[in-house]
Amino acid sequence: MLLNIEKLIYGGDGLARLPAESPSNKDHARGKAVFVPFVLAGEKIEAALTEEKPGFARAKVETILEPSSHRVSPPCPHFTRCGGCHYQHSVYEHQLQIKKEILRENLRRIAKLELQCEIQLHPSPPWNYRNRSRLQVRTQPNFSAGYFKFSSHELLPVEECPISSPLINRGIAALWQAGRAGKAVEGVREIEFFANADGTKLLLELLCAPEARRAAVRSWAEELCAATPEIAGVAAFRERQKGVQEPLVAVGASELTYQTKTAAYRVSAGAFFQTNRFLTDELVSIVTAGRSGELALDLYAGVGLFSTALACNIRHIISVESSQTAASDLQYNLPVNGKAVQSTAEQYLTKAPQPNPVVPDLVVIDPPRGGLGDPVARALASAGAPQVIYVSCDPATLARDLIPLQAAGYRVDEAHLIDLFPQTYHLETVLHLVR
């Protein structure tokens, strides 16, 4: 069938409508929504339905009849088959505009928020930007490593990734070389490469099946370190049950030092750190520059990326992090005027209130993709801080969380879109909220 792509939506798909005369469009006068990957707004395509539900359908492109002027040939041979990238068929400048409109539309539709300020765009070099990449590993019937195929849990072998740093690509090459030599170990399911800021050191994190043998994993880790001098260490974890991991093997260093303009951070295997090696300093500056006061609260603090910078001009910093690994790094990285608290944000904000609680001058929040959730958002709104800086990696959950904050009198003073993830639909937003 012929489809006209109206716009792109969060998740990477283009939105079209089934033709009014389509048999699949019964009782939908306007036309049932159809989601199509790897297209651009304004394109006319010939498509085939792949899935149909009562309220929507999915389709795949058969032919691009009228391509967008922004369409380019993707440089990666795995594009459209690999699930990692979504926008390689667009020039980079247009990717930024796509994300800007998606952010604005999510805020308008979910939070009923019409931004009164301009969304400030912060582009990234579009290739080789990732300092952290996670690959799936298979050893049977033959060795293979790569990413999941698009909309699948089937492995796509990948030996080079154009959005990963040059050092990570050398690490991937070393992994394949060891695998082809028959040195890969059964039971290793995933391998994550984490590179330091100047691309000289790698930390490897292995996720192993319950049946993985400690001695075999240690031997392979030692061989990887010996074969690739840039590998500072390998930390292996065994998955006892879904989501529950235990340390299995440690060879060499178990952490890296990540140097920024502000500070040097200890980042241990298993701790979260930002993944764009080009924009870390800019992100820190957007969140922390010009902030001052007596007390700041940093929720979801990780290893202290923002806390450490805030401590330069704010007298006291309270940094809250739930992960034991990250909280340990946080304690190590904080200066003397910082206090690390291992707790969830909800537990910290909803604990028994003090008789005369001190209202922080500033709260920084950088939650995971699921956002704050209603209990945390409402507790934050009740805390009464005059400034809140929300760092978000998901515009839909950001918009949802803004509803109670707006009801409490907060308004958006600045809006930033930091493109930490070129070639993908993911986008990072920083909103400065004041009241």
Protein backbone atom coordinates (compact mmCIF):
# COMPACT_ATOMS: atom_id res chain seq x y z
CA MET A 1 0.00 0.00 0.00
CA LEU A 2 1.00 3.63 -0.46
CA LEU A 3 1.68 5.64 2.71
CA ASN A 4 2.59 9.26 3.36
CA ILE A 5 4.84 9.79 6.38
CA GLU A 6 3.44 12.62 8.51
CA LYS A 7 6.17 12.92 11.14
CA LEU A 8 8.64 10.96 13.25
CA ILE A 9 7.77 9.95 16.79
CA TYR A 10 9.82 9.01 19.84
CA GLY A 11 11.12 5.48 19.31
CA GLY A 12 12.40 6.04 15.79
CA ASP A 13 9.28 5.26 13.76
CA GLY A 14 7.51 7.40 11.21
CA LEU A 15 3.77 7.96 11.60
CA ALA A 16 1.44 7.39 8.67
CA ARG A 17 -2.28 6.66 8.30
CA LEU A 18 -3.95 3.75 6.60
CA PRO A 19 -5.80 4.81 3.45
CA ALA A 20 -9.47 5.47 4.09
CA GLU A 21 -10.46 2.80 1.58
CA SER A 22 -8.22 0.16 3.20
CA PRO A 23 -10.02 -3.00 4.42
CA SER A 24 -7.96 -2.69 7.61
CA ASN A 25 -9.35 0.77 8.28
CA LYS A 26 -12.92 -0.11 9.23
CA ASP A 27 -14.49 2.31 11.70
CA HIS A 28 -11.48 4.68 11.54
CA ALA A 29 -12.57 7.68 9.49
CA ARG A 30 -9.23 9.48 9.80
CA GLY A 31 -7.21 6.36 9.16
CA LYS A 32 -5.60 3.99 11.61
CA ALA A 33 -2.09 4.97 12.70
CA VAL A 34 0.72 3.02 11.04
CA PHE A 35 4.25 3.02 12.45
CA VAL A 36 7.09 2.57 9.96
CA PRO A 37 10.82 2.49 10.83
CA PHE A 38 13.66 4.01 8.79
CA VAL A 39 11.63 6.71 7.05
CA LEU A 40 11.53 10.51 7.20
CA ALA A 41 8.72 13.04 7.39
CA GLY A 42 7.19 13.96 4.04
CA GLU A 43 8.25 10.77 2.29
CA LYS A 44 5.86 8.78 0.14
CA ILE A 45 6.52 5.07 0.41
CA GLU A 46 5.26 1.72 -0.70
CA ALA A 47 4.92 -0.45 2.41
CA ALA A 48 3.79 -3.85 3.61
CA LEU A 49 1.92 -4.40 6.86
CA THR A 50 3.83 -6.49 9.39
CA GLU A 51 1.50 -6.28 12.39
CA GLU A 52 -2.04 -5.13 12.99
CA LYS A 53 -3.76 -4.29 16.26
CA PRO A 54 -7.21 -2.82 16.92
CA GLY A 55 -5.80 0.68 17.40
CA PHE A 56 -2.69 0.75 15.21
CA ALA A 57 -0.58 -1.14 12.69
CA ARG A 58 3.09 -1.58 11.87
CA ALA A 59 4.62 -1.71 8.42
CA LYS A 60 7.97 -1.96 6.69
CA VAL A 61 9.23 -0.02 3.70
CA GLU A 62 9.20 -1.79 0.34
CA THR A 63 10.09 1.21 -1.83
CA ILE A 64 10.82 4.89 -1.21
CA LEU A 65 8.77 6.55 -3.95
CA GLU A 66 9.45 10.17 -2.95
CA PRO A 67 12.49 10.48 -0.67
CA SER A 68 13.08 13.35 1.72
CA SER A 69 15.73 15.89 0.76
CA HIS A 70 17.39 15.01 4.10
CA ARG A 71 17.83 11.32 3.20
CA VAL A 72 21.39 10.00 2.81
CA SER A 73 22.99 6.60 2.34
CA PRO A 74 23.80 5.13 5.77
CA PRO A 75 27.52 4.42 6.21
CA CYS A 76 27.07 1.32 8.39
CA PRO A 77 26.39 -1.94 6.52
CA HIS A 78 24.31 -3.19 9.47
CA PHE A 79 21.86 -0.28 9.47
CA THR A 80 18.17 -1.35 9.42
CA ARG A 81 19.19 -4.86 10.51
CA CYS A 82 20.85 -3.77 13.77
CA GLY A 83 18.63 -2.48 16.56
CA GLY A 84 21.16 0.10 17.77
CA CYS A 85 20.69 3.00 15.33
CA HIS A 86 17.55 4.56 13.87
CA TYR A 87 18.52 7.75 12.01
CA GLN A 88 21.59 6.95 9.91
CA HIS A 89 19.47 7.57 6.79
CA SER A 90 19.20 11.27 7.71
CA VAL A 91 21.78 14.05 7.58
CA TYR A 92 22.86 14.85 11.11
CA GLU A 93 21.51 18.43 11.20
CA HIS A 94 18.04 17.08 10.42
CA GLN A 95 18.33 14.49 13.19
CA LEU A 96 18.63 17.37 15.64
CA GLN A 97 15.48 19.01 14.30
CA ILE A 98 13.61 15.70 14.51
CA LYS A 99 14.54 15.35 18.18
CA LYS A 100 13.71 18.97 18.92
CA GLU A 101 10.19 18.57 17.53
CA ILE A 102 9.68 15.25 19.33
CA LEU A 103 10.68 16.85 22.63
CA ARG A 104 8.38 19.81 22.08
CA GLU A 105 5.48 17.55 21.04
CA ASN A 106 5.85 15.28 24.09
CA LEU A 107 5.85 18.26 26.45
CA ARG A 108 2.78 19.68 24.71
CA ARG A 109 0.80 16.44 24.51
CA ILE A 110 1.56 14.92 27.94
CA ALA A 111 2.37 17.86 30.21
CA LYS A 112 0.20 20.39 28.31
CA LEU A 113 3.30 22.59 28.33
CA GLU A 114 4.00 25.12 25.60
CA LEU A 115 7.61 26.15 26.10
CA GLN A 116 8.02 29.90 26.37
CA CYS A 117 11.78 29.60 25.82
CA GLU A 118 13.74 28.32 22.85
CA ILE A 119 15.10 24.76 23.01
CA GLN A 120 18.88 25.20 22.90
CA LEU A 121 20.55 22.49 20.78
CA HIS A 122 23.93 21.02 21.72
CA PRO A 123 25.20 18.81 18.87
CA SER A 124 27.81 16.09 19.10
CA PRO A 125 30.31 14.76 16.61
CA PRO A 126 27.98 12.23 14.98
CA TRP A 127 30.35 9.24 14.87
CA ASN A 128 32.72 7.37 17.22
CA TYR A 129 31.21 9.18 20.21
CA ARG A 130 30.40 6.30 22.56
CA ASN A 131 32.76 5.61 25.46
CA ARG A 132 30.66 2.61 26.55
CA SER A 133 29.30 -0.20 24.35
CA ARG A 134 27.70 -3.51 25.32
CA LEU A 135 27.80 -6.52 22.99
CA GLN A 136 26.00 -9.84 23.16
CA VAL A 137 28.27 -12.90 23.01
CA ARG A 138 27.57 -16.42 21.76
CA THR A 139 30.01 -19.31 21.76
CA GLN A 140 27.83 -22.07 20.27
CA PRO A 141 27.78 -23.40 17.63
CA ASN A 142 30.46 -20.87 16.68
CA PHE A 143 31.77 -17.73 18.33
CA SER A 144 29.89 -14.54 17.58
CA ALA A 145 29.57 -11.10 19.16
CA GLY A 146 27.34 -8.19 18.25
CA TYR A 147 24.02 -6.51 18.87
CA PHE A 148 20.44 -7.71 18.76
CA LYS A 149 18.76 -7.48 15.40
CA PHE A 150 16.09 -4.82 14.97
CA SER A 151 12.94 -5.76 16.94
CA SER A 152 14.48 -9.11 17.85
CA HIS A 153 16.57 -10.97 20.40
CA GLU A 154 18.47 -12.71 17.63
CA LEU A 155 22.17 -11.88 17.51
CA LEU A 156 23.57 -9.84 14.61
CA PRO A 157 27.35 -10.33 14.35
CA VAL A 158 29.15 -6.96 14.41
CA GLU A 159 32.91 -6.52 14.14
CA GLU A 160 32.98 -2.73 13.91
CA CYS A 161 30.57 -0.14 15.28
CA PRO A 162 30.81 3.39 13.80
CA ILE A 163 29.21 5.10 16.82
CA SER A 164 31.68 3.53 19.28
CA SER A 165 35.08 5.08 20.02
CA PRO A 166 38.16 3.94 18.10
CA LEU A 167 39.52 2.27 21.24
CA ILE A 168 36.29 0.32 21.78
CA ASN A 169 36.44 -0.82 18.16
CA ARG A 170 39.97 -2.09 18.77
CA GLY A 171 38.61 -3.93 21.79
CA ILE A 172 35.85 -5.46 19.66
CA ALA A 173 38.46 -6.55 17.11
CA ALA A 174 40.52 -8.19 19.88
CA LEU A 175 37.39 -9.96 21.13
CA TRP A 176 36.69 -11.41 17.68
CA GLN A 177 40.33 -12.43 17.27
CA ALA A 178 40.20 -14.37 20.54
CA GLY A 179 36.88 -15.92 19.59
CA ARG A 180 38.09 -17.08 16.20
CA ALA A 181 41.14 -18.59 17.89
CA GLY A 182 38.83 -20.73 20.00
CA LYS A 183 39.69 -18.92 23.25
CA ALA A 184 36.20 -17.67 24.10
CA VAL A 185 34.64 -19.20 27.19
CA GLU A 186 31.22 -20.78 27.39
CA GLY A 187 28.83 -19.00 29.68
CA VAL A 188 29.87 -15.42 28.82
CA ARG A 189 26.66 -13.75 27.64
CA GLU A 190 27.56 -10.07 27.37
CA ILE A 191 30.68 -7.95 27.32
CA GLU A 192 30.73 -4.22 27.96
CA PHE A 193 33.63 -1.96 26.94
CA PHE A 194 34.15 1.27 28.89
CA ALA A 195 36.85 3.69 27.70
CA ASN A 196 38.39 6.55 29.64
CA ALA A 197 38.19 10.15 28.47
CA ASP A 198 41.35 10.23 26.33
CA GLY A 199 40.81 6.79 24.81
CA THR A 200 43.87 5.13 26.29
CA LYS A 201 42.38 2.61 28.73
CA LEU A 202 39.56 0.10 28.59
CA LEU A 203 37.63 -1.56 31.38
CA LEU A 204 35.76 -4.74 30.42
CA GLU A 205 32.69 -6.02 32.22
CA LEU A 206 31.51 -9.57 31.53
CA LEU A 207 28.05 -10.89 32.36
CA CYS A 208 28.15 -14.66 32.72
CA ALA A 209 25.55 -17.40 32.97
CA PRO A 210 25.13 -19.28 36.27
CA GLU A 211 27.02 -22.27 34.86
CA ALA A 212 30.12 -20.24 33.88
CA ARG A 213 33.29 -21.67 35.41
CA ARG A 214 35.39 -19.25 37.43
CA ALA A 215 38.76 -20.67 36.37
CA ALA A 216 37.90 -20.61 32.67
CA VAL A 217 36.59 -17.04 32.83
CA ARG A 218 39.70 -15.90 34.71
CA SER A 219 42.01 -17.55 32.17
CA TRP A 220 40.22 -15.86 29.26
CA ALA A 221 40.24 -12.49 31.02
CA GLU A 222 43.99 -12.77 31.58
CA GLU A 223 44.52 -13.61 27.89
CA LEU A 224 42.46 -10.62 26.79
CA CYS A 225 44.51 -8.31 29.02
CA ALA A 226 47.77 -9.76 27.75
CA ALA A 227 46.73 -9.46 24.10
CA THR A 228 45.45 -5.87 24.36
CA PRO A 229 47.63 -3.54 26.46
CA GLU A 230 44.88 -0.88 26.63
CA ILE A 231 42.69 -3.21 28.69
CA ALA A 232 43.29 -2.06 32.27
CA GLY A 233 41.12 -4.73 33.82
CA VAL A 234 38.27 -7.21 33.44
CA ALA A 235 35.45 -7.64 35.95
CA ALA A 236 33.14 -10.61 35.49
CA PHE A 237 29.76 -11.05 37.16
CA ARG A 238 27.60 -14.16 37.33
CA GLU A 239 23.83 -13.88 37.00
CA ARG A 240 22.29 -16.01 39.74
CA GLN A 241 18.76 -15.05 38.74
CA LYS A 242 17.24 -12.39 36.52
CA GLY A 243 18.63 -9.04 37.59
CA VAL A 244 20.66 -10.45 40.50
CA GLN A 245 24.41 -10.59 39.89
CA GLU A 246 27.39 -11.58 42.00
CA PRO A 247 31.10 -10.87 41.41
CA LEU A 248 32.81 -13.81 39.75
CA VAL A 249 36.31 -12.78 38.62
CA ALA A 250 38.44 -9.62 38.74
CA VAL A 251 41.64 -9.35 36.70
CA GLY A 252 43.67 -6.16 36.78
CA ALA A 253 41.97 -2.87 37.64
CA SER A 254 38.32 -2.88 38.67
CA GLU A 255 37.84 0.82 37.91
CA LEU A 256 38.93 3.57 35.53
CA THR A 257 39.71 7.21 36.16
CA TYR A 258 37.62 9.45 33.92
CA GLN A 259 39.10 12.92 33.58
CA THR A 260 36.86 15.91 32.85
CA LYS A 261 37.56 19.64 32.93
CA THR A 262 36.11 19.76 36.43
CA ALA A 263 37.55 16.69 38.14
CA ALA A 264 38.87 13.16 37.82
CA TYR A 265 36.23 10.54 38.65
CA ARG A 266 36.70 7.00 39.80
CA VAL A 267 34.24 4.83 37.87
CA SER A 268 34.04 1.17 38.92
CA ALA A 269 32.82 -1.73 36.83
CA GLY A 270 29.05 -1.77 37.14
CA ALA A 271 28.70 1.96 37.91
CA PHE A 272 26.83 4.29 35.55
CA PHE A 273 28.64 7.05 33.69
CA GLN A 274 27.61 9.21 30.72
CA THR A 275 28.27 7.55 27.36
CA ASN A 276 29.18 10.44 25.05
CA ARG A 277 32.90 11.16 25.30
CA PHE A 278 32.57 14.52 23.51
CA LEU A 279 29.73 16.15 25.47
CA THR A 280 30.39 15.21 29.10
CA ASP A 281 31.95 18.58 29.94
CA GLU A 282 29.21 20.50 28.14
CA LEU A 283 26.51 18.54 29.98
CA VAL A 284 28.16 19.27 33.33
CA SER A 285 28.41 22.95 32.47
CA ILE A 286 24.73 23.19 31.44
CA VAL A 287 23.67 21.62 34.75
CA THR A 288 26.08 23.29 37.15
CA ALA A 289 27.51 26.54 35.74
CA GLY A 290 26.57 29.64 37.70
CA ARG A 291 24.90 27.69 40.53
CA SER A 292 25.60 28.91 44.05
CA GLY A 293 24.06 28.79 47.48
CA GLU A 294 24.18 27.11 50.87
CA LEU A 295 22.77 23.65 50.08
CA ALA A 296 22.22 21.54 46.95
CA LEU A 297 20.62 18.12 46.68
CA ASP A 298 21.75 15.78 43.88
CA LEU A 299 19.35 12.86 43.43
CA TYR A 300 20.35 9.83 41.32
CA ALA A 301 23.89 11.13 41.74
CA GLY A 302 25.75 8.19 40.21
CA VAL A 303 29.48 8.56 40.79
CA GLY A 304 29.09 12.30 41.44
CA LEU A 305 29.43 13.82 37.98
CA PHE A 306 27.28 16.84 38.87
CA SER A 307 27.85 16.86 42.63
CA THR A 308 31.58 17.34 42.33
CA ALA A 309 31.16 20.30 39.98
CA LEU A 310 28.44 21.87 42.14
CA ALA A 311 30.69 21.62 45.20
CA CYS A 312 32.94 24.32 43.74
CA ASN A 313 30.36 27.07 44.40
CA ILE A 314 27.80 25.58 46.79
CA ARG A 315 28.71 25.22 50.44
CA HIS A 316 27.08 21.85 51.16
CA ILE A 317 26.14 19.04 48.76
CA ILE A 318 23.97 16.02 49.64
CA SER A 319 24.26 13.33 46.96
CA VAL A 320 21.81 10.43 46.91
CA GLU A 321 22.51 7.20 45.01
CA SER A 322 20.92 3.76 45.43
CA SER A 323 23.54 1.56 43.70
CA GLN A 324 26.13 0.24 46.16
CA THR A 325 28.87 0.29 43.52
CA ALA A 326 28.15 3.83 42.34
CA ALA A 327 27.65 5.06 45.92
CA SER A 328 31.13 3.81 46.80
CA ASP A 329 32.60 5.76 43.87
CA LEU A 330 30.47 8.75 44.84
CA GLN A 331 31.91 8.77 48.35
CA TYR A 332 35.43 8.55 46.88
CA ASN A 333 34.86 11.34 44.33
CA LEU A 334 33.08 13.89 46.52
CA PRO A 335 35.07 16.77 48.03
CA VAL A 336 34.92 17.50 51.75
CA ASN A 337 31.78 19.63 51.49
CA GLY A 338 29.85 16.75 49.94
CA LYS A 339 27.90 14.02 51.74
CA ALA A 340 27.06 10.71 50.03
CA VAL A 341 23.83 8.95 51.00
CA GLN A 342 23.11 5.43 49.76
CA SER A 343 19.35 5.44 49.33
CA THR A 344 16.66 5.54 46.69
CA ALA A 345 15.36 9.00 45.89
CA GLU A 346 11.91 8.03 47.15
CA GLN A 347 13.22 6.75 50.48
CA TYR A 348 15.31 9.87 50.97
CA LEU A 349 12.55 12.33 50.10
CA THR A 350 9.76 10.58 51.99
CA LYS A 351 11.59 9.68 55.19
CA ALA A 352 10.25 11.10 58.47
CA PRO A 353 10.54 14.91 58.13
CA GLN A 354 12.69 16.88 60.54
CA PRO A 355 10.98 19.51 62.75
CA ASN A 356 12.59 22.34 60.78
CA PRO A 357 13.92 20.89 57.52
CA VAL A 358 16.41 22.97 55.55
CA VAL A 359 15.10 23.76 52.10
CA PRO A 360 17.84 23.23 49.47
CA ASP A 361 18.67 26.12 47.18
CA LEU A 362 18.91 23.71 44.27
CA VAL A 363 17.88 20.14 43.44
CA VAL A 364 19.44 18.24 40.54
CA ILE A 365 17.64 15.12 39.33
CA ASP A 366 18.99 12.70 36.73
CA PRO A 367 16.72 9.64 36.94
CA PRO A 368 16.89 6.50 34.79
CA ARG A 369 14.70 6.11 31.71
CA GLY A 370 11.61 5.38 33.82
CA GLY A 371 11.73 8.90 35.26
CA LEU A 372 10.86 9.97 38.79
CA GLY A 373 7.45 8.37 39.15
CA ASP A 374 4.55 10.01 40.94
CA PRO A 375 5.71 9.56 44.59
CA VAL A 376 9.14 11.12 43.94
CA ALA A 377 7.75 13.89 41.72
CA ARG A 378 5.19 14.88 44.36
CA ALA A 379 7.72 14.71 47.19
CA LEU A 380 10.10 16.85 45.16
CA ALA A 381 7.35 19.37 44.49
CA SER A 382 6.67 19.53 48.25
CA ALA A 383 10.35 20.02 49.10
CA GLY A 384 10.10 23.65 48.02
CA ALA A 385 13.49 24.22 46.39
CA PRO A 386 13.49 27.46 44.38
CA GLN A 387 15.44 25.77 41.54
CA VAL A 388 15.19 22.25 40.11
CA ILE A 389 17.34 21.02 37.25
CA TYR A 390 15.88 17.94 35.57
CA VAL A 391 18.24 15.85 33.41
CA SER A 392 16.18 13.38 31.38
CA CYS A 393 16.88 10.65 28.83
CA ASP A 394 13.20 10.06 28.00
CA PRO A 395 10.88 12.91 26.91
CA ALA A 396 7.68 10.99 27.73
CA THR A 397 8.56 10.29 31.37
CA LEU A 398 9.99 13.80 31.67
CA ALA A 399 6.67 15.27 30.53
CA ARG A 400 4.73 13.04 32.92
CA ASP A 401 6.91 14.10 35.86
CA LEU A 402 6.45 17.77 35.02
CA ILE A 403 2.71 17.64 35.74
CA PRO A 404 2.98 17.70 39.59
CA LEU A 405 5.94 20.07 39.41
CA GLN A 406 3.96 22.55 37.32
CA ALA A 407 1.03 22.20 39.72
CA ALA A 408 3.41 23.18 42.52
CA GLY A 409 4.29 26.39 40.71
CA TYR A 410 7.44 25.44 38.79
CA ARG A 411 7.98 26.83 35.30
CA VAL A 412 10.63 26.09 32.69
CA ASP A 413 13.24 28.84 32.58
CA GLU A 414 15.70 27.10 30.18
CA ALA A 415 15.42 24.07 27.92
CA HIS A 416 18.44 22.26 26.49
CA LEU A 417 18.59 19.29 24.12
CA ILE A 418 22.01 17.67 24.41
CA ASP A 419 22.49 15.11 21.65
CA LEU A 420 24.35 12.43 23.57
CA PHE A 421 23.13 9.72 21.17
CA PRO A 422 23.53 10.68 17.48
CA GLN A 423 22.11 8.25 14.90
CA THR A 424 19.57 6.98 17.46
CA TYR A 425 16.16 8.22 18.58
CA HIS A 426 17.42 8.73 22.14
CA LEU A 427 17.73 12.30 23.35
CA GLU A 428 18.96 13.99 26.51
CA THR A 429 17.09 16.97 27.90
CA VAL A 430 18.04 19.43 30.63
CA LEU A 431 15.27 21.68 31.95
CA HIS A 432 15.93 24.50 34.43
CA LEU A 433 12.81 24.86 36.58
CA VAL A 434 12.21 27.85 38.84
CA ARG A 435 9.41 29.12 41.02
